[in-house]
Amino acid sequence: MFPGMNVNSSQMKQAMKKMGMSQEELDAEKVIIVTADKEIVFERPSVSRVKLMGQETFQVAGEYSERAKDTLPEITAADIETVMQQTGKDREEAISAIHESNGDLAEAIMKLSE
């Protein structure tokens, strides 16, 4: 952590404490970073939370994979039922409208009500 310093772990902890720095290992099972077009997935990662001068940062290390982000919104049975009840349309029309509106129920209802 400190280049050129030969210190043991207790000395390192004391130096970190003097600087107002603390580090905690988290028992994480999975970390997923979601970007606009993909997801970066860490299975069984090593995760540390570092607190320094009122700021918290997280360090993630380990094997990871990338996958395309699912572009279809998650639709629940309750969402479908709501759109069907509000518009009088059938299940397939409700699902299609919800997909077209990217999961926005109000927009789906408005489209089907036109």
Protein backbone atom coordinates (compact mmCIF):
# COMPACT_ATOMS: atom_id res chain seq x y z
CA MET A 1 0.00 0.00 0.00
CA PHE A 2 2.85 2.37 0.79
CA PRO A 3 5.71 1.90 -1.71
CA GLY A 4 9.17 1.59 -0.23
CA MET A 5 7.88 0.96 3.30
CA ASN A 6 8.60 -2.33 4.99
CA VAL A 7 5.94 -2.52 7.71
CA ASN A 8 4.00 -5.31 9.33
CA SER A 9 0.20 -5.44 9.35
CA SER A 10 -0.18 -3.93 12.84
CA GLN A 11 2.00 -0.96 11.89
CA MET A 12 -0.01 -0.59 8.69
CA LYS A 13 -3.29 -0.57 10.65
CA GLN A 14 -1.92 2.07 13.03
CA ALA A 15 -0.78 4.26 10.13
CA MET A 16 -4.17 3.90 8.43
CA LYS A 17 -5.98 4.79 11.68
CA LYS A 18 -3.85 7.94 12.11
CA MET A 19 -4.88 9.03 8.59
CA GLY A 20 -8.54 8.41 9.42
CA MET A 21 -8.65 5.45 7.06
CA SER A 22 -10.36 2.14 7.66
CA GLN A 23 -10.76 -0.92 5.49
CA GLU A 24 -13.31 -3.69 5.85
CA GLU A 25 -13.58 -6.93 3.86
CA LEU A 26 -17.14 -7.71 2.78
CA ASP A 27 -18.47 -11.24 2.39
CA ALA A 28 -19.92 -10.72 -1.10
CA GLU A 29 -21.29 -13.58 -3.18
CA LYS A 30 -21.70 -11.65 -6.43
CA VAL A 31 -21.13 -8.14 -7.76
CA ILE A 32 -22.89 -6.88 -10.89
CA ILE A 33 -21.92 -3.61 -12.56
CA VAL A 34 -24.63 -2.43 -14.93
CA THR A 35 -23.71 -0.11 -17.80
CA ALA A 36 -25.89 1.19 -20.62
CA ASP A 37 -25.22 -1.80 -22.85
CA LYS A 38 -23.73 -4.60 -20.74
CA GLU A 39 -23.33 -6.12 -17.30
CA ILE A 40 -20.00 -7.02 -15.71
CA VAL A 41 -20.48 -9.92 -13.31
CA PHE A 42 -18.03 -10.95 -10.58
CA GLU A 43 -18.75 -14.38 -9.05
CA ARG A 44 -17.22 -14.92 -5.58
CA PRO A 45 -15.36 -11.57 -5.61
CA SER A 46 -13.01 -10.10 -3.08
CA VAL A 47 -14.67 -6.83 -2.00
CA SER A 48 -13.21 -4.21 0.33
CA ARG A 49 -14.89 -1.08 1.67
CA VAL A 50 -12.40 1.72 2.28
CA LYS A 51 -13.33 4.80 4.32
CA LEU A 52 -11.06 7.82 4.05
CA MET A 53 -11.78 11.42 4.99
CA GLY A 54 -15.57 10.99 4.92
CA GLN A 55 -15.58 9.17 1.58
CA GLU A 56 -16.38 5.50 1.02
CA THR A 57 -14.99 3.54 -1.90
CA PHE A 58 -15.34 -0.10 -2.82
CA GLN A 59 -12.63 -2.23 -4.36
CA VAL A 60 -13.69 -5.31 -6.32
CA ALA A 61 -11.27 -7.97 -7.48
CA GLY A 62 -11.65 -11.41 -8.98
CA GLU A 63 -12.69 -13.29 -12.09
CA TYR A 64 -15.45 -11.62 -14.06
CA SER A 65 -17.51 -12.09 -17.19
CA GLU A 66 -19.40 -9.67 -19.38
CA ARG A 67 -22.86 -10.18 -20.75
CA ALA A 68 -25.21 -8.18 -22.92
CA LYS A 69 -27.76 -6.24 -20.97
CA ASP A 70 -31.30 -7.52 -21.29
CA THR A 71 -33.12 -4.76 -23.12
CA LEU A 72 -36.64 -6.04 -22.47
CA PRO A 73 -38.28 -4.69 -19.33
CA GLU A 74 -39.33 -7.14 -16.63
CA ILE A 75 -43.09 -7.50 -16.78
CA THR A 76 -45.06 -8.89 -13.87
CA ALA A 77 -48.49 -10.48 -13.95
CA ALA A 78 -49.77 -7.50 -11.95
CA ASP A 79 -48.45 -5.10 -14.63
CA ILE A 80 -50.26 -7.02 -17.37
CA GLU A 81 -53.46 -7.19 -15.34
CA THR A 82 -53.36 -3.45 -14.63
CA VAL A 83 -52.99 -2.56 -18.30
CA MET A 84 -55.74 -5.02 -19.28
CA GLN A 85 -58.16 -3.63 -16.67
CA GLN A 86 -57.48 0.00 -17.56
CA THR A 87 -57.78 -0.48 -21.33
CA GLY A 88 -60.10 -3.46 -21.82
CA LYS A 89 -57.49 -5.02 -24.13
CA ASP A 90 -56.42 -8.66 -24.15
CA ARG A 91 -53.25 -10.11 -22.62
CA GLU A 92 -51.17 -10.10 -25.81
CA GLU A 93 -52.01 -6.46 -26.58
CA ALA A 94 -51.15 -5.46 -23.01
CA ILE A 95 -47.78 -7.25 -23.11
CA SER A 96 -46.93 -5.75 -26.48
CA ALA A 97 -47.78 -2.23 -25.30
CA ILE A 98 -45.71 -2.64 -22.14
CA HIS A 99 -42.70 -3.79 -24.19
CA GLU A 100 -43.10 -0.91 -26.64
CA SER A 101 -43.19 1.59 -23.78
CA ASN A 102 -40.13 0.04 -22.08
CA GLY A 103 -42.11 -1.01 -19.03
CA ASP A 104 -43.82 2.35 -18.47
CA LEU A 105 -47.38 1.28 -17.56
CA ALA A 106 -48.89 4.75 -17.88
CA GLU A 107 -47.49 5.10 -21.39
CA ALA A 108 -48.71 1.61 -22.32
CA ILE A 109 -52.21 2.44 -21.08
CA MET A 110 -52.22 5.72 -23.00
CA LYS A 111 -51.13 3.97 -26.23
CA LEU A 112 -53.85 1.38 -25.94
CA SER A 113 -56.48 3.95 -25.02
CA GLU A 114 -55.97 6.06 -28.17
